[in-house]
């Protein structure tokens, strides 16, 4: 048998409805943490523009935002935001292009596409 006080404490700590901080839907206290981690309204930050938006709008936003281009100050090419890190890691494609020319390759470097 569980005494009444313990039962009330259990009900209060585990089963009391708690509103989600992101979407305001109510869940039992024992379920709210899991819901908050998967809530479609939880905020996510865009890696390209740092805008914070809800998870349900995140994918659509990063596809569009990542498609924007910015001119590389080193090589002058316009690079998609989504490809910026790869472009920088490849030394702006300058080294890869020079390497192909030196070897006499008749192929186009991936960075030139």
PDB file of N, CA and C in Angstrom:
ATOM      1  N   UNK A   1       0.835  -1.190   0.000  1.00  0.00           N
ATOM      2  CA  UNK A   1       0.000   0.000   0.000  1.00  0.00           C
ATOM      3  C   UNK A   1       0.877   1.251   0.000  1.00  0.00           C
ATOM      4  N   UNK A   2       0.390   2.233  -0.730  1.00  0.00           N
ATOM      5  CA  UNK A   2       1.080   3.527  -0.794  1.00  0.00           C
ATOM      6  C   UNK A   2       0.277   4.504   0.043  1.00  0.00           C
ATOM      7  N   UNK A   3       0.998   5.249   0.873  1.00  0.00           N
ATOM      8  CA  UNK A   3       0.238   6.189   1.693  1.00  0.00           C
ATOM      9  C   UNK A   3      -0.199   7.381   0.842  1.00  0.00           C
ATOM     10  N   UNK A   4      -1.228   8.036   1.273  1.00  0.00           N
ATOM     11  CA  UNK A   4      -1.885   9.097   0.521  1.00  0.00           C
ATOM     12  C   UNK A   4      -0.922  10.230   0.160  1.00  0.00           C
ATOM     13  N   UNK A   5      -0.067  10.624   1.094  1.00  0.00           N
ATOM     14  CA  UNK A   5       0.868  11.719   0.846  1.00  0.00           C
ATOM     15  C   UNK A   5       1.849  11.355  -0.280  1.00  0.00           C
ATOM     16  N   UNK A   6       2.373  10.118  -0.226  1.00  0.00           N
ATOM     17  CA  UNK A   6       3.292   9.663  -1.271  1.00  0.00           C
ATOM     18  C   UNK A   6       2.594   9.624  -2.629  1.00  0.00           C
ATOM     19  N   UNK A   7       1.349   9.177  -2.610  1.00  0.00           N
ATOM     20  CA  UNK A   7       0.588   9.115  -3.862  1.00  0.00           C
ATOM     21  C   UNK A   7       0.382  10.517  -4.432  1.00  0.00           C
ATOM     22  N   UNK A   8       0.036  11.467  -3.583  1.00  0.00           N
ATOM     23  CA  UNK A   8      -0.164  12.843  -4.039  1.00  0.00           C
ATOM     24  C   UNK A   8       1.133  13.442  -4.586  1.00  0.00           C
ATOM     25  N   UNK A   9       2.244  13.175  -3.892  1.00  0.00           N
ATOM     26  CA  UNK A   9       3.544  13.663  -4.357  1.00  0.00           C
ATOM     27  C   UNK A   9       3.907  13.039  -5.710  1.00  0.00           C
ATOM     28  N   UNK A  10       3.629  11.749  -5.840  1.00  0.00           N
ATOM     29  CA  UNK A  10       3.894  11.061  -7.096  1.00  0.00           C
ATOM     30  C   UNK A  10       3.049  11.664  -8.213  1.00  0.00           C
ATOM     31  N   UNK A  11       1.769  11.840  -7.966  1.00  0.00           N
ATOM     32  CA  UNK A  11       0.866  12.425  -8.967  1.00  0.00           C
ATOM     33  C   UNK A  11       1.349  13.812  -9.373  1.00  0.00           C
ATOM     34  N   UNK A  12       1.749  14.605  -8.391  1.00  0.00           N
ATOM     35  CA  UNK A  12       2.205  15.974  -8.651  1.00  0.00           C
ATOM     36  C   UNK A  12       3.500  15.996  -9.461  1.00  0.00           C
ATOM     37  N   UNK A  13       4.453  15.129  -9.123  1.00  0.00           N
ATOM     38  CA  UNK A  13       5.762  15.174  -9.777  1.00  0.00           C
ATOM     39  C   UNK A  13       5.802  14.443 -11.115  1.00  0.00           C
ATOM     40  N   UNK A  14       4.948  13.463 -11.318  1.00  0.00           N
ATOM     41  CA  UNK A  14       5.027  12.652 -12.537  1.00  0.00           C
ATOM     42  C   UNK A  14       3.862  12.844 -13.512  1.00  0.00           C
ATOM     43  N   UNK A  15       2.683  13.145 -13.012  1.00  0.00           N
ATOM     44  CA  UNK A  15       1.499  13.140 -13.862  1.00  0.00           C
ATOM     45  C   UNK A  15       0.831  14.502 -14.036  1.00  0.00           C
ATOM     46  N   UNK A  16       1.319  15.505 -13.366  1.00  0.00           N
ATOM     47  CA  UNK A  16       0.732  16.841 -13.489  1.00  0.00           C
ATOM     48  C   UNK A  16       0.968  17.356 -14.913  1.00  0.00           C
ATOM     49  N   UNK A  17      -0.041  17.922 -15.554  1.00  0.00           N
ATOM     50  CA  UNK A  17       0.146  18.483 -16.901  1.00  0.00           C
ATOM     51  C   UNK A  17       1.100  19.681 -16.863  1.00  0.00           C
ATOM     52  N   UNK A  18       2.055  19.665 -17.782  1.00  0.00           N
ATOM     53  CA  UNK A  18       3.044  20.742 -17.885  1.00  0.00           C
ATOM     54  C   UNK A  18       3.032  21.229 -19.341  1.00  0.00           C
ATOM     55  N   UNK A  19       2.963  22.546 -19.547  1.00  0.00           N
ATOM     56  CA  UNK A  19       2.963  23.045 -20.926  1.00  0.00           C
ATOM     57  C   UNK A  19       4.375  23.007 -21.536  1.00  0.00           C
ATOM     58  N   UNK A  20       4.439  22.678 -22.808  1.00  0.00           N
ATOM     59  CA  UNK A  20       5.702  22.691 -23.532  1.00  0.00           C
ATOM     60  C   UNK A  20       6.136  24.141 -23.710  1.00  0.00           C
ATOM     61  N   UNK A  21       7.394  24.423 -23.492  1.00  0.00           N
ATOM     62  CA  UNK A  21       7.898  25.791 -23.638  1.00  0.00           C
ATOM     63  C   UNK A  21       7.939  26.262 -25.089  1.00  0.00           C
ATOM     64  N   UNK A  22       7.841  25.317 -26.033  1.00  0.00           N
ATOM     65  CA  UNK A  22       7.919  25.672 -27.442  1.00  0.00           C
ATOM     66  C   UNK A  22       6.555  25.784 -28.111  1.00  0.00           C
ATOM     67  N   UNK A  23       5.655  24.855 -27.798  1.00  0.00           N
ATOM     68  CA  UNK A  23       4.372  24.835 -28.501  1.00  0.00           C
ATOM     69  C   UNK A  23       3.164  25.015 -27.577  1.00  0.00           C
ATOM     70  N   UNK A  24       3.380  25.037 -26.277  1.00  0.00           N
ATOM     71  CA  UNK A  24       2.336  25.222 -25.269  1.00  0.00           C
ATOM     72  C   UNK A  24       1.378  24.042 -25.124  1.00  0.00           C
ATOM     73  N   UNK A  25       1.584  22.958 -25.841  1.00  0.00           N
ATOM     74  CA  UNK A  25       0.765  21.761 -25.622  1.00  0.00           C
ATOM     75  C   UNK A  25       1.119  21.197 -24.249  1.00  0.00           C
ATOM     76  N   UNK A  26       0.167  20.586 -23.592  1.00  0.00           N
ATOM     77  CA  UNK A  26       0.404  20.039 -22.252  1.00  0.00           C
ATOM     78  C   UNK A  26       0.700  18.551 -22.300  1.00  0.00           C
ATOM     79  N   UNK A  27       1.673  18.149 -21.513  1.00  0.00           N
ATOM     80  CA  UNK A  27       2.074  16.746 -21.385  1.00  0.00           C
ATOM     81  C   UNK A  27       2.300  16.463 -19.917  1.00  0.00           C
ATOM     82  N   UNK A  28       2.215  15.186 -19.568  1.00  0.00           N
ATOM     83  CA  UNK A  28       2.522  14.806 -18.195  1.00  0.00           C
ATOM     84  C   UNK A  28       3.977  15.164 -17.912  1.00  0.00           C
ATOM     85  N   UNK A  29       4.255  15.529 -16.675  1.00  0.00           N
ATOM     86  CA  UNK A  29       5.598  15.954 -16.285  1.00  0.00           C
ATOM     87  C   UNK A  29       6.650  14.923 -16.686  1.00  0.00           C
ATOM     88  N   UNK A  30       6.310  13.638 -16.591  1.00  0.00           N
ATOM     89  CA  UNK A  30       7.272  12.594 -16.918  1.00  0.00           C
ATOM     90  C   UNK A  30       7.529  12.492 -18.426  1.00  0.00           C
ATOM     91  N   UNK A  31       6.683  13.102 -19.258  1.00  0.00           N
ATOM     92  CA  UNK A  31       6.812  13.029 -20.714  1.00  0.00           C
ATOM     93  C   UNK A  31       7.305  14.324 -21.358  1.00  0.00           C
ATOM     94  N   UNK A  32       7.316  15.413 -20.601  1.00  0.00           N
ATOM     95  CA  UNK A  32       7.582  16.718 -21.199  1.00  0.00           C
ATOM     96  C   UNK A  32       8.997  16.840 -21.761  1.00  0.00           C
ATOM     97  N   UNK A  33       9.993  16.258 -21.110  1.00  0.00           N
ATOM     98  CA  UNK A  33      11.366  16.379 -21.591  1.00  0.00           C
ATOM     99  C   UNK A  33      11.535  15.708 -22.964  1.00  0.00           C
ATOM    100  N   UNK A  34      10.982  14.518 -23.103  1.00  0.00           N
ATOM    101  CA  UNK A  34      11.064  13.815 -24.391  1.00  0.00           C
ATOM    102  C   UNK A  34      10.332  14.601 -25.479  1.00  0.00           C
ATOM    103  N   UNK A  35       9.142  15.112 -25.140  1.00  0.00           N
ATOM    104  CA  UNK A  35       8.396  15.908 -26.120  1.00  0.00           C
ATOM    105  C   UNK A  35       9.205  17.138 -26.527  1.00  0.00           C
ATOM    106  N   UNK A  36       9.765  17.860 -25.591  1.00  0.00           N
ATOM    107  CA  UNK A  36      10.503  19.096 -25.880  1.00  0.00           C
ATOM    108  C   UNK A  36      11.679  18.838 -26.820  1.00  0.00           C
ATOM    109  N   UNK A  37      12.314  17.683 -26.695  1.00  0.00           N
ATOM    110  CA  UNK A  37      13.443  17.351 -27.566  1.00  0.00           C
ATOM    111  C   UNK A  37      12.998  17.053 -28.994  1.00  0.00           C
ATOM    112  N   UNK A  38      11.733  16.659 -29.166  1.00  0.00           N
ATOM    113  CA  UNK A  38      11.219  16.305 -30.492  1.00  0.00           C
ATOM    114  C   UNK A  38      10.135  17.247 -30.999  1.00  0.00           C
ATOM    115  N   UNK A  39       9.840  18.275 -30.262  1.00  0.00           N
ATOM    116  CA  UNK A  39       8.768  19.206 -30.615  1.00  0.00           C
ATOM    117  C   UNK A  39       9.079  19.890 -31.945  1.00  0.00           C
ATOM    118  N   UNK A  40       8.091  19.932 -32.844  1.00  0.00           N
ATOM    119  CA  UNK A  40       8.278  20.589 -34.141  1.00  0.00           C
ATOM    120  C   UNK A  40       8.456  22.097 -34.021  1.00  0.00           C
ATOM    121  N   UNK A  41       8.143  22.654 -32.890  1.00  0.00           N
ATOM    122  CA  UNK A  41       8.279  24.091 -32.698  1.00  0.00           C
ATOM    123  C   UNK A  41       9.575  24.454 -31.958  1.00  0.00           C
ATOM    124  N   UNK A  42      10.404  23.446 -31.611  1.00  0.00           N
ATOM    125  CA  UNK A  42      11.659  23.756 -30.911  1.00  0.00           C
ATOM    126  C   UNK A  42      12.549  24.590 -31.830  1.00  0.00           C
ATOM    127  N   UNK A  43      13.285  25.518 -31.266  1.00  0.00           N
ATOM    128  CA  UNK A  43      14.107  26.396 -32.099  1.00  0.00           C
ATOM    129  C   UNK A  43      15.376  25.718 -32.607  1.00  0.00           C
ATOM    130  N   UNK A  44      15.744  26.068 -33.829  1.00  0.00           N
ATOM    131  CA  UNK A  44      17.009  25.626 -34.426  1.00  0.00           C
ATOM    132  C   UNK A  44      17.616  26.841 -35.105  1.00  0.00           C
ATOM    133  N   UNK A  45      18.930  26.889 -35.115  1.00  0.00           N
ATOM    134  CA  UNK A  45      19.618  28.020 -35.726  1.00  0.00           C
ATOM    135  C   UNK A  45      20.159  27.639 -37.096  1.00  0.00           C
ATOM    136  N   UNK A  46      19.919  28.483 -38.075  1.00  0.00           N
ATOM    137  CA  UNK A  46      20.416  28.267 -39.431  1.00  0.00           C
ATOM    138  C   UNK A  46      21.941  28.405 -39.414  1.00  0.00           C
ATOM    139  N   UNK A  47      22.667  27.429 -39.967  1.00  0.00           N
ATOM    140  CA  UNK A  47      24.125  27.513 -39.969  1.00  0.00           C
ATOM    141  C   UNK A  47      24.660  28.553 -40.958  1.00  0.00           C
ATOM    142  N   UNK A  48      23.812  29.055 -41.852  1.00  0.00           N
ATOM    143  CA  UNK A  48      24.266  29.999 -42.869  1.00  0.00           C
ATOM    144  C   UNK A  48      24.015  31.450 -42.487  1.00  0.00           C
ATOM    145  N   UNK A  49      22.875  31.736 -41.878  1.00  0.00           N
ATOM    146  CA  UNK A  49      22.549  33.130 -41.543  1.00  0.00           C
ATOM    147  C   UNK A  49      22.333  33.344 -40.050  1.00  0.00           C
ATOM    148  N   UNK A  50      22.373  32.273 -39.272  1.00  0.00           N
ATOM    149  CA  UNK A  50      22.216  32.288 -37.817  1.00  0.00           C
ATOM    150  C   UNK A  50      20.828  32.695 -37.344  1.00  0.00           C
ATOM    151  N   UNK A  51      19.852  32.711 -38.259  1.00  0.00           N
ATOM    152  CA  UNK A  51      18.470  32.986 -37.888  1.00  0.00           C
ATOM    153  C   UNK A  51      17.947  31.814 -37.063  1.00  0.00           C
ATOM    154  N   UNK A  52      17.222  32.111 -36.003  1.00  0.00           N
ATOM    155  CA  UNK A  52      16.623  31.060 -35.197  1.00  0.00           C
ATOM    156  C   UNK A  52      15.169  30.908 -35.627  1.00  0.00           C
ATOM    157  N   UNK A  53      14.797  29.671 -35.996  1.00  0.00           N
ATOM    158  CA  UNK A  53      13.438  29.415 -36.444  1.00  0.00           C
ATOM    159  C   UNK A  53      12.968  28.073 -35.908  1.00  0.00           C
ATOM    160  N   UNK A  54      11.677  27.835 -35.996  1.00  0.00           N
ATOM    161  CA  UNK A  54      11.125  26.588 -35.467  1.00  0.00           C
ATOM    162  C   UNK A  54      11.566  25.408 -36.320  1.00  0.00           C
ATOM    163  N   UNK A  55      11.672  24.257 -35.677  1.00  0.00           N
ATOM    164  CA  UNK A  55      12.147  23.046 -36.338  1.00  0.00           C
ATOM    165  C   UNK A  55      11.307  22.706 -37.567  1.00  0.00           C
ATOM    166  N   UNK A  56      10.012  22.956 -37.519  1.00  0.00           N
ATOM    167  CA  UNK A  56       9.146  22.610 -38.654  1.00  0.00           C
ATOM    168  C   UNK A  56       9.428  23.465 -39.890  1.00  0.00           C
ATOM    169  N   UNK A  57      10.070  24.603 -39.739  1.00  0.00           N
ATOM    170  CA  UNK A  57      10.407  25.463 -40.873  1.00  0.00           C
ATOM    171  C   UNK A  57      11.899  25.395 -41.227  1.00  0.00           C
ATOM    172  N   UNK A  58      12.669  24.701 -40.425  1.00  0.00           N
ATOM    173  CA  UNK A  58      14.127  24.658 -40.555  1.00  0.00           C
ATOM    174  C   UNK A  58      14.604  24.095 -41.893  1.00  0.00           C
ATOM    175  N   UNK A  59      14.148  22.920 -42.295  1.00  0.00           N
ATOM    176  CA  UNK A  59      14.642  22.274 -43.511  1.00  0.00           C
ATOM    177  C   UNK A  59      14.358  23.128 -44.755  1.00  0.00           C
ATOM    178  N   UNK A  60      13.155  23.635 -44.849  1.00  0.00           N
ATOM    179  CA  UNK A  60      12.809  24.479 -45.994  1.00  0.00           C
ATOM    180  C   UNK A  60      13.721  25.710 -46.030  1.00  0.00           C
ATOM    181  N   UNK A  61      13.961  26.288 -44.871  1.00  0.00           N
ATOM    182  CA  UNK A  61      14.799  27.482 -44.794  1.00  0.00           C
ATOM    183  C   UNK A  61      16.246  27.194 -45.199  1.00  0.00           C
ATOM    184  N   UNK A  62      16.857  26.129 -44.667  1.00  0.00           N
ATOM    185  CA  UNK A  62      18.275  25.914 -44.972  1.00  0.00           C
ATOM    186  C   UNK A  62      18.500  25.533 -46.440  1.00  0.00           C
ATOM    187  N   UNK A  63      17.518  24.912 -47.071  1.00  0.00           N
ATOM    188  CA  UNK A  63      17.650  24.613 -48.503  1.00  0.00           C
ATOM    189  C   UNK A  63      17.732  25.931 -49.282  1.00  0.00           C
ATOM    190  N   UNK A  64      16.831  26.851 -48.973  1.00  0.00           N
ATOM    191  CA  UNK A  64      16.837  28.150 -49.657  1.00  0.00           C
ATOM    192  C   UNK A  64      18.046  28.988 -49.258  1.00  0.00           C
ATOM    193  N   UNK A  65      18.308  29.058 -47.979  1.00  0.00           N
ATOM    194  CA  UNK A  65      19.410  29.883 -47.487  1.00  0.00           C
ATOM    195  C   UNK A  65      20.755  29.340 -47.962  1.00  0.00           C
ATOM    196  N   UNK A  66      20.921  28.028 -47.969  1.00  0.00           N
ATOM    197  CA  UNK A  66      22.162  27.408 -48.419  1.00  0.00           C
ATOM    198  C   UNK A  66      22.388  27.558 -49.908  1.00  0.00           C
ATOM    199  N   UNK A  67      21.336  27.874 -50.653  1.00  0.00           N
ATOM    200  CA  UNK A  67      21.456  28.071 -52.100  1.00  0.00           C
ATOM    201  C   UNK A  67      21.933  29.478 -52.461  1.00  0.00           C
ATOM    202  N   UNK A  68      21.876  30.377 -51.500  1.00  0.00           N
ATOM    203  CA  UNK A  68      22.367  31.737 -51.770  1.00  0.00           C
ATOM    204  C   UNK A  68      23.865  31.674 -52.032  1.00  0.00           C
ATOM    205  N   UNK A  69      24.348  32.580 -52.842  1.00  0.00           N
ATOM    206  CA  UNK A  69      25.775  32.586 -53.154  1.00  0.00           C
ATOM    207  C   UNK A  69      26.457  33.811 -52.553  1.00  0.00           C
ATOM    208  N   UNK A  70      27.733  33.644 -52.361  1.00  0.00           N
ATOM    209  CA  UNK A  70      28.566  34.725 -51.853  1.00  0.00           C
ATOM    210  C   UNK A  70      29.884  34.659 -52.614  1.00  0.00           C
ATOM    211  N   UNK A  71      30.430  35.799 -52.940  1.00  0.00           N
ATOM    212  CA  UNK A  71      31.682  35.810 -53.703  1.00  0.00           C
ATOM    213  C   UNK A  71      32.854  35.554 -52.775  1.00  0.00           C
ATOM    214  N   UNK A  72      33.691  34.614 -53.169  1.00  0.00           N
ATOM    215  CA  UNK A  72      34.879  34.278 -52.391  1.00  0.00           C
ATOM    216  C   UNK A  72      35.893  35.417 -52.540  1.00  0.00           C
ATOM    217  N   UNK A  73      36.369  35.962 -51.432  1.00  0.00           N
ATOM    218  CA  UNK A  73      37.335  37.059 -51.525  1.00  0.00           C
ATOM    219  C   UNK A  73      38.710  36.609 -52.046  1.00  0.00           C
ATOM    220  N   UNK A  74      38.983  35.316 -52.010  1.00  0.00           N
ATOM    221  CA  UNK A  74      40.281  34.815 -52.462  1.00  0.00           C
ATOM    222  C   UNK A  74      40.325  34.556 -53.965  1.00  0.00           C
ATOM    223  N   UNK A  75      39.306  33.869 -54.487  1.00  0.00           N
ATOM    224  CA  UNK A  75      39.345  33.468 -55.897  1.00  0.00           C
ATOM    225  C   UNK A  75      38.331  34.203 -56.767  1.00  0.00           C
ATOM    226  N   UNK A  76      37.378  34.908 -56.143  1.00  0.00           N
ATOM    227  CA  UNK A  76      36.402  35.677 -56.906  1.00  0.00           C
ATOM    228  C   UNK A  76      35.198  34.893 -57.394  1.00  0.00           C
ATOM    229  N   UNK A  77      35.185  33.570 -57.205  1.00  0.00           N
ATOM    230  CA  UNK A  77      34.049  32.763 -57.658  1.00  0.00           C
ATOM    231  C   UNK A  77      32.858  32.972 -56.725  1.00  0.00           C
ATOM    232  N   UNK A  78      31.656  32.820 -57.280  1.00  0.00           N
ATOM    233  CA  UNK A  78      30.458  32.854 -56.459  1.00  0.00           C
ATOM    234  C   UNK A  78      30.180  31.438 -55.992  1.00  0.00           C
ATOM    235  N   UNK A  79      30.128  31.264 -54.680  1.00  0.00           N
ATOM    236  CA  UNK A  79      30.005  29.947 -54.059  1.00  0.00           C
ATOM    237  C   UNK A  79      28.702  29.884 -53.267  1.00  0.00           C
ATOM    238  N   UNK A  80      27.982  28.757 -53.422  1.00  0.00           N
ATOM    239  CA  UNK A  80      26.769  28.547 -52.616  1.00  0.00           C
ATOM    240  C   UNK A  80      27.155  28.468 -51.147  1.00  0.00           C
ATOM    241  N   UNK A  81      26.321  29.044 -50.281  1.00  0.00           N
ATOM    242  CA  UNK A  81      26.575  29.003 -48.838  1.00  0.00           C
ATOM    243  C   UNK A  81      26.748  27.561 -48.364  1.00  0.00           C
ATOM    244  N   UNK A  82      25.964  26.644 -48.926  1.00  0.00           N
ATOM    245  CA  UNK A  82      26.035  25.240 -48.524  1.00  0.00           C
ATOM    246  C   UNK A  82      27.376  24.612 -48.881  1.00  0.00           C
ATOM    247  N   UNK A  83      28.073  25.165 -49.859  1.00  0.00           N
ATOM    248  CA  UNK A  83      29.364  24.618 -50.301  1.00  0.00           C
ATOM    249  C   UNK A  83      30.556  25.419 -49.795  1.00  0.00           C
ATOM    250  N   UNK A  84      30.304  26.439 -48.999  1.00  0.00           N
ATOM    251  CA  UNK A  84      31.354  27.367 -48.573  1.00  0.00           C
ATOM    252  C   UNK A  84      32.503  26.671 -47.841  1.00  0.00           C
ATOM    253  N   UNK A  85      32.192  25.820 -46.877  1.00  0.00           N
ATOM    254  CA  UNK A  85      33.245  25.154 -46.101  1.00  0.00           C
ATOM    255  C   UNK A  85      34.100  24.261 -46.997  1.00  0.00           C
ATOM    256  N   UNK A  86      33.481  23.497 -47.875  1.00  0.00           N
ATOM    257  CA  UNK A  86      34.218  22.631 -48.792  1.00  0.00           C
ATOM    258  C   UNK A  86      35.111  23.472 -49.706  1.00  0.00           C
ATOM    259  N   UNK A  87      34.586  24.589 -50.161  1.00  0.00           N
ATOM    260  CA  UNK A  87      35.358  25.483 -51.019  1.00  0.00           C
ATOM    261  C   UNK A  87      36.585  26.014 -50.268  1.00  0.00           C
ATOM    262  N   UNK A  88      36.393  26.426 -49.039  1.00  0.00           N
ATOM    263  CA  UNK A  88      37.510  26.948 -48.246  1.00  0.00           C
ATOM    264  C   UNK A  88      38.541  25.860 -47.948  1.00  0.00           C
ATOM    265  N   UNK A  89      38.063  24.661 -47.637  1.00  0.00           N
ATOM    266  CA  UNK A  89      38.975  23.547 -47.337  1.00  0.00           C
ATOM    267  C   UNK A  89      39.798  23.147 -48.558  1.00  0.00           C
ATOM    268  N   UNK A  90      39.268  23.396 -49.747  1.00  0.00           N
ATOM    269  CA  UNK A  90      39.990  23.033 -50.966  1.00  0.00           C
ATOM    270  C   UNK A  90      40.853  24.196 -51.448  1.00  0.00           C
ATOM    271  N   UNK A  91      41.134  25.134 -50.567  1.00  0.00           N
ATOM    272  CA  UNK A  91      41.926  26.323 -50.902  1.00  0.00           C
ATOM    273  C   UNK A  91      41.341  27.042 -52.108  1.00  0.00           C
ATOM    274  N   UNK A  92      40.051  27.187 -52.107  1.00  0.00           N
ATOM    275  CA  UNK A  92      39.308  27.879 -53.165  1.00  0.00           C
ATOM    276  C   UNK A  92      39.430  27.187 -54.512  1.00  0.00           C
ATOM    277  N   UNK A  93      39.809  25.936 -54.529  1.00  0.00           N
ATOM    278  CA  UNK A  93      39.918  25.221 -55.791  1.00  0.00           C
ATOM    279  C   UNK A  93      41.165  25.583 -56.575  1.00  0.00           C
ATOM    280  N   UNK A  94      41.940  26.541 -56.092  1.00  0.00           N
ATOM    281  CA  UNK A  94      43.137  26.971 -56.824  1.00  0.00           C
ATOM    282  C   UNK A  94      44.175  25.861 -56.874  1.00  0.00           C
ATOM    283  N   UNK A  95      44.420  25.208 -55.740  1.00  0.00           N
ATOM    284  CA  UNK A  95      45.422  24.134 -55.707  1.00  0.00           C
ATOM    285  C   UNK A  95      45.003  22.951 -56.569  1.00  0.00           C
ATOM    286  N   UNK A  96      43.744  22.576 -56.501  1.00  0.00           N
ATOM    287  CA  UNK A  96      43.275  21.428 -57.274  1.00  0.00           C
ATOM    288  C   UNK A  96      43.388  21.715 -58.768  1.00  0.00           C
ATOM    289  N   UNK A  97      43.046  22.921 -59.204  1.00  0.00           N
ATOM    290  CA  UNK A  97      43.126  23.278 -60.614  1.00  0.00           C
ATOM    291  C   UNK A  97      44.577  23.265 -61.084  1.00  0.00           C
ATOM    292  N   UNK A  98      45.458  23.839 -60.286  1.00  0.00           N
ATOM    293  CA  UNK A  98      46.880  23.872 -60.641  1.00  0.00           C
ATOM    294  C   UNK A  98      47.445  22.462 -60.729  1.00  0.00           C
ATOM    295  N   UNK A  99      47.000  21.586 -59.824  1.00  0.00           N
ATOM    296  CA  UNK A  99      47.486  20.211 -59.813  1.00  0.00           C
ATOM    297  C   UNK A  99      47.091  19.499 -61.111  1.00  0.00           C
ATOM    298  N   UNK A 100      45.850  19.713 -61.559  1.00  0.00           N
ATOM    299  CA  UNK A 100      45.388  19.088 -62.796  1.00  0.00           C
ATOM    300  C   UNK A 100      46.188  19.604 -63.992  1.00  0.00           C
ATOM    301  N   UNK A 101      46.471  20.900 -64.005  1.00  0.00           N
ATOM    302  CA  UNK A 101      47.224  21.481 -65.117  1.00  0.00           C
ATOM    303  C   UNK A 101      48.643  20.912 -65.161  1.00  0.00           C
ATOM    304  N   UNK A 102      49.281  20.777 -63.997  1.00  0.00           N
ATOM    305  CA  UNK A 102      50.647  20.269 -63.930  1.00  0.00           C
ATOM    306  C   UNK A 102      50.743  18.840 -64.409  1.00  0.00           C
ATOM    307  N   UNK A 103      49.728  18.046 -64.095  1.00  0.00           N
ATOM    308  CA  UNK A 103      49.750  16.637 -64.475  1.00  0.00           C
ATOM    309  C   UNK A 103      49.314  16.450 -65.922  1.00  0.00           C
ATOM    310  N   UNK A 104      48.858  17.508 -66.553  1.00  0.00           N
ATOM    311  CA  UNK A 104      48.425  17.410 -67.937  1.00  0.00           C
ATOM    312  C   UNK A 104      47.107  16.652 -68.079  1.00  0.00           C
ATOM    313  N   UNK A 105      46.334  16.632 -67.019  1.00  0.00           N
ATOM    314  CA  UNK A 105      45.055  15.918 -67.058  1.00  0.00           C
ATOM    315  C   UNK A 105      44.099  16.634 -67.992  1.00  0.00           C
ATOM    316  N   UNK A 106      43.340  15.856 -68.732  1.00  0.00           N
ATOM    317  CA  UNK A 106      42.360  16.457 -69.632  1.00  0.00           C
ATOM    318  C   UNK A 106      40.982  16.459 -68.991  1.00  0.00           C
ATOM    319  N   UNK A 107      40.939  16.268 -67.678  1.00  0.00           N
ATOM    320  CA  UNK A 107      39.679  16.275 -66.950  1.00  0.00           C
ATOM    321  C   UNK A 107      39.507  17.634 -66.287  1.00  0.00           C
ATOM    322  N   UNK A 108      38.275  17.994 -66.026  1.00  0.00           N
ATOM    323  CA  UNK A 108      37.985  19.248 -65.340  1.00  0.00           C
ATOM    324  C   UNK A 108      37.948  18.961 -63.841  1.00  0.00           C
ATOM    325  N   UNK A 109      38.581  19.821 -63.064  1.00  0.00           N
ATOM    326  CA  UNK A 109      38.567  19.669 -61.607  1.00  0.00           C
ATOM    327  C   UNK A 109      37.154  19.856 -61.097  1.00  0.00           C
ATOM    328  N   UNK A 110      36.799  19.105 -60.067  1.00  0.00           N
ATOM    329  CA  UNK A 110      35.462  19.193 -59.484  1.00  0.00           C
ATOM    330  C   UNK A 110      35.174  20.621 -59.046  1.00  0.00           C
ATOM    331  N   UNK A 111      36.192  21.328 -58.568  1.00  0.00           N
ATOM    332  CA  UNK A 111      35.973  22.677 -58.082  1.00  0.00           C
ATOM    333  C   UNK A 111      35.684  23.647 -59.206  1.00  0.00           C
ATOM    334  N   UNK A 112      35.958  23.282 -60.458  1.00  0.00           N
ATOM    335  CA  UNK A 112      35.695  24.158 -61.595  1.00  0.00           C
ATOM    336  C   UNK A 112      34.281  23.999 -62.131  1.00  0.00           C
ATOM    337  N   UNK A 113      33.559  22.992 -61.671  1.00  0.00           N
ATOM    338  CA  UNK A 113      32.207  22.748 -62.178  1.00  0.00           C
ATOM    339  C   UNK A 113      31.234  23.738 -61.628  1.00  0.00           C
TER     340      UNK A 113
END
